[in-house]
Amino acid sequence: MKQQSIGQIREKLKMRPIETAEKLGISYPYLYRIETGSSNPSDKLKRRICELYGIDMNTLFLALNFTNRK
């Protein structure tokens, strides 16, 4: 299975970044920093991302690790 970045997961779900940020209660620039690996979200935000994307924490952890390696 190919690893995906957190941004690729969002795109696969056909979620627009600005709407996604609003649903998560964060700014678009902060979502961008998370997706590019510049910021590490809090555990609370990680849980909200998992709920919104319908993924488990292990999948999110792998996606964040993959994002940070770019």
C-alpha atoms as a PDB file:
ATOM      1  CA  MET A   1       0.000   0.000   0.000  1.00  0.00           C
ATOM      2  CA  LYS A   2       1.384   3.390  -1.004  1.00  0.00           C
ATOM      3  CA  GLN A   3       1.790   5.891   1.818  1.00  0.00           C
ATOM      4  CA  GLN A   4      -0.094   9.132   1.388  1.00  0.00           C
ATOM      5  CA  SER A   5       0.515  12.545   2.851  1.00  0.00           C
ATOM      6  CA  ILE A   6      -2.201  14.176   4.920  1.00  0.00           C
ATOM      7  CA  GLY A   7      -2.923  16.520   1.999  1.00  0.00           C
ATOM      8  CA  GLN A   8      -3.272  13.586  -0.396  1.00  0.00           C
ATOM      9  CA  ILE A   9      -5.785  11.970   1.943  1.00  0.00           C
ATOM     10  CA  ARG A  10      -7.842  15.190   1.975  1.00  0.00           C
ATOM     11  CA  GLU A  11      -7.655  15.439  -1.813  1.00  0.00           C
ATOM     12  CA  LYS A  12      -8.673  11.789  -2.234  1.00  0.00           C
ATOM     13  CA  LEU A  13     -11.761  12.570  -0.145  1.00  0.00           C
ATOM     14  CA  LYS A  14     -12.444  15.508  -2.509  1.00  0.00           C
ATOM     15  CA  MET A  15     -12.373  17.960   0.362  1.00  0.00           C
ATOM     16  CA  ARG A  16     -11.428  21.553  -0.410  1.00  0.00           C
ATOM     17  CA  PRO A  17      -8.728  22.973   1.876  1.00  0.00           C
ATOM     18  CA  ILE A  18     -10.588  26.098   2.990  1.00  0.00           C
ATOM     19  CA  GLU A  19     -13.769  24.153   3.818  1.00  0.00           C
ATOM     20  CA  THR A  20     -11.702  21.491   5.580  1.00  0.00           C
ATOM     21  CA  ALA A  21      -9.971  24.112   7.713  1.00  0.00           C
ATOM     22  CA  GLU A  22     -13.350  25.608   8.644  1.00  0.00           C
ATOM     23  CA  LYS A  23     -14.735  22.199   9.624  1.00  0.00           C
ATOM     24  CA  LEU A  24     -11.650  21.602  11.783  1.00  0.00           C
ATOM     25  CA  GLY A  25     -11.930  25.043  13.380  1.00  0.00           C
ATOM     26  CA  ILE A  26      -8.497  26.152  12.168  1.00  0.00           C
ATOM     27  CA  SER A  27      -7.222  28.650   9.631  1.00  0.00           C
ATOM     28  CA  TYR A  28      -6.362  27.662   6.084  1.00  0.00           C
ATOM     29  CA  PRO A  29      -2.708  28.724   6.572  1.00  0.00           C
ATOM     30  CA  TYR A  30      -2.454  26.407   9.597  1.00  0.00           C
ATOM     31  CA  LEU A  31      -3.951  23.499   7.619  1.00  0.00           C
ATOM     32  CA  TYR A  32      -1.419  24.225   4.870  1.00  0.00           C
ATOM     33  CA  ARG A  33       1.438  24.106   7.407  1.00  0.00           C
ATOM     34  CA  ILE A  34       0.152  20.770   8.735  1.00  0.00           C
ATOM     35  CA  GLU A  35      -0.122  19.360   5.208  1.00  0.00           C
ATOM     36  CA  THR A  36       3.387  20.501   4.285  1.00  0.00           C
ATOM     37  CA  GLY A  37       4.942  19.259   7.527  1.00  0.00           C
ATOM     38  CA  SER A  38       5.772  22.727   8.876  1.00  0.00           C
ATOM     39  CA  SER A  39       3.479  22.311  11.901  1.00  0.00           C
ATOM     40  CA  ASN A  40       2.579  19.367  14.061  1.00  0.00           C
ATOM     41  CA  PRO A  41      -1.071  19.440  15.199  1.00  0.00           C
ATOM     42  CA  SER A  42      -2.087  18.884  18.804  1.00  0.00           C
ATOM     43  CA  ASP A  43      -3.479  15.510  19.817  1.00  0.00           C
ATOM     44  CA  LYS A  44      -6.946  17.068  20.035  1.00  0.00           C
ATOM     45  CA  LEU A  45      -6.684  18.346  16.462  1.00  0.00           C
ATOM     46  CA  LYS A  46      -5.316  14.995  15.301  1.00  0.00           C
ATOM     47  CA  ARG A  47      -8.457  13.332  16.692  1.00  0.00           C
ATOM     48  CA  ARG A  48     -10.680  15.872  14.870  1.00  0.00           C
ATOM     49  CA  ILE A  49      -8.800  15.242  11.618  1.00  0.00           C
ATOM     50  CA  CYS A  50      -9.284  11.485  12.047  1.00  0.00           C
ATOM     51  CA  GLU A  51     -13.001  11.922  12.659  1.00  0.00           C
ATOM     52  CA  LEU A  52     -13.417  14.250   9.668  1.00  0.00           C
ATOM     53  CA  TYR A  53     -11.365  12.093   7.284  1.00  0.00           C
ATOM     54  CA  GLY A  54     -12.781   8.813   8.619  1.00  0.00           C
ATOM     55  CA  ILE A  55      -9.325   7.385   9.353  1.00  0.00           C
ATOM     56  CA  ASP A  56      -7.692   5.909  12.433  1.00  0.00           C
ATOM     57  CA  MET A  57      -4.809   7.456  14.351  1.00  0.00           C
ATOM     58  CA  ASN A  58      -2.295   4.975  12.895  1.00  0.00           C
ATOM     59  CA  THR A  59      -3.174   6.075   9.367  1.00  0.00           C
ATOM     60  CA  LEU A  60      -2.875   9.719  10.380  1.00  0.00           C
ATOM     61  CA  PHE A  61       0.461   9.087  12.113  1.00  0.00           C
ATOM     62  CA  LEU A  62       1.848   7.422   8.964  1.00  0.00           C
ATOM     63  CA  ALA A  63       0.501  10.253   6.787  1.00  0.00           C
ATOM     64  CA  LEU A  64       2.087  12.909   9.003  1.00  0.00           C
ATOM     65  CA  ASN A  65       5.406  11.036   8.991  1.00  0.00           C
ATOM     66  CA  PHE A  66       5.262  10.757   5.205  1.00  0.00           C
ATOM     67  CA  THR A  67       4.393  14.471   4.921  1.00  0.00           C
ATOM     68  CA  ASN A  68       7.350  15.441   7.125  1.00  0.00           C
ATOM     69  CA  ARG A  69       9.817  13.473   4.969  1.00  0.00           C
ATOM     70  CA  LYS A  70       9.143  15.518   1.829  1.00  0.00           C
END
